[in-house]
Amino acid sequence: MIKEKILDLTNYDCPMIFVKTKVFLQETKKNDIKILIVKGISNKNSLKNTLSEQGFNITVQELKKNTFKIFLN
């Protein structure tokens, strides 16, 4: 069964967003829908670029000004 897993990173900045994301990815199942919520354009861009380099397909949606939802496929 596919589940939606959400990690709220809005209270964190680099490098903690990467630490939390790594643990999140290890704890979720391969088929789960993974969503990260980040605050700040630099955090969004850093996370997006790093995860893209690791082979994830990334979709970004702006929730409100300066807050983004990152979908990992």
Protein backbone atom coordinates (compact mmCIF):
# COMPACT_ATOMS: atom_id res chain seq x y z
CA MET A 1 0.00 0.00 0.00
CA ILE A 2 1.34 3.40 -1.01
CA LYS A 3 1.32 6.00 1.73
CA GLU A 4 1.97 9.74 1.65
CA LYS A 5 4.82 10.73 3.96
CA ILE A 6 5.43 14.41 4.76
CA LEU A 7 8.49 15.95 6.41
CA ASP A 8 8.10 19.54 7.62
CA LEU A 9 11.50 21.25 7.51
CA THR A 10 10.25 24.82 7.87
CA ASN A 11 11.92 25.25 11.27
CA TYR A 12 15.34 24.15 9.99
CA ASP A 13 18.11 25.51 7.78
CA CYS A 14 21.13 23.99 6.11
CA PRO A 15 22.79 21.67 7.13
CA MET A 16 20.02 20.28 9.36
CA ILE A 17 17.58 20.03 6.44
CA PHE A 18 19.95 17.52 4.84
CA VAL A 19 20.35 15.49 8.03
CA LYS A 20 16.58 15.33 8.59
CA THR A 21 15.96 14.49 4.92
CA LYS A 22 18.50 11.67 4.95
CA VAL A 23 16.86 10.06 8.00
CA PHE A 24 13.41 10.58 6.46
CA LEU A 25 14.45 8.83 3.24
CA GLN A 26 15.92 5.91 5.18
CA GLU A 27 12.72 5.48 7.20
CA THR A 28 10.25 5.66 4.31
CA LYS A 29 9.47 2.84 1.92
CA LYS A 30 10.45 2.95 -1.73
CA ASN A 31 6.86 3.24 -2.98
CA ASP A 32 5.77 5.87 -0.45
CA ILE A 33 4.95 9.34 -1.77
CA LYS A 34 7.58 11.57 -0.18
CA ILE A 35 6.92 15.27 0.40
CA LEU A 36 9.28 17.79 1.97
CA ILE A 37 8.13 21.22 3.10
CA VAL A 38 10.88 23.85 3.27
CA LYS A 39 11.09 27.53 4.00
CA GLY A 40 13.39 29.79 2.01
CA ILE A 41 14.47 29.84 -1.60
CA SER A 42 18.07 28.89 -0.79
CA ASN A 43 16.94 25.86 1.25
CA LYS A 44 14.59 24.81 -1.56
CA ASN A 45 17.27 25.17 -4.23
CA SER A 46 19.97 23.37 -2.21
CA LEU A 47 17.71 20.44 -1.37
CA LYS A 48 16.30 20.25 -4.90
CA ASN A 49 19.75 20.21 -6.51
CA THR A 50 21.20 17.63 -4.11
CA LEU A 51 18.23 15.27 -4.44
CA SER A 52 18.22 15.63 -8.24
CA GLU A 53 21.89 14.62 -8.29
CA GLN A 54 20.93 11.52 -6.29
CA GLY A 55 18.45 10.48 -8.98
CA PHE A 56 15.16 11.74 -7.59
CA ASN A 57 12.59 13.33 -9.88
CA ILE A 58 11.62 16.58 -8.20
CA THR A 59 8.43 18.60 -8.45
CA VAL A 60 8.18 21.87 -6.53
CA GLN A 61 5.01 23.69 -5.56
CA GLU A 62 4.97 27.06 -3.80
CA LEU A 63 2.58 26.86 -0.85
CA LYS A 64 2.85 30.50 0.12
CA LYS A 65 5.50 33.16 -0.17
CA ASN A 66 8.88 31.63 0.65
CA THR A 67 7.46 28.20 1.61
CA PHE A 68 7.71 25.27 -0.79
CA LYS A 69 6.45 21.70 -1.09
CA ILE A 70 8.95 19.34 -2.74
CA PHE A 71 7.60 16.06 -4.15
CA LEU A 72 10.11 13.23 -4.58
CA ASN A 73 9.48 10.54 -7.19
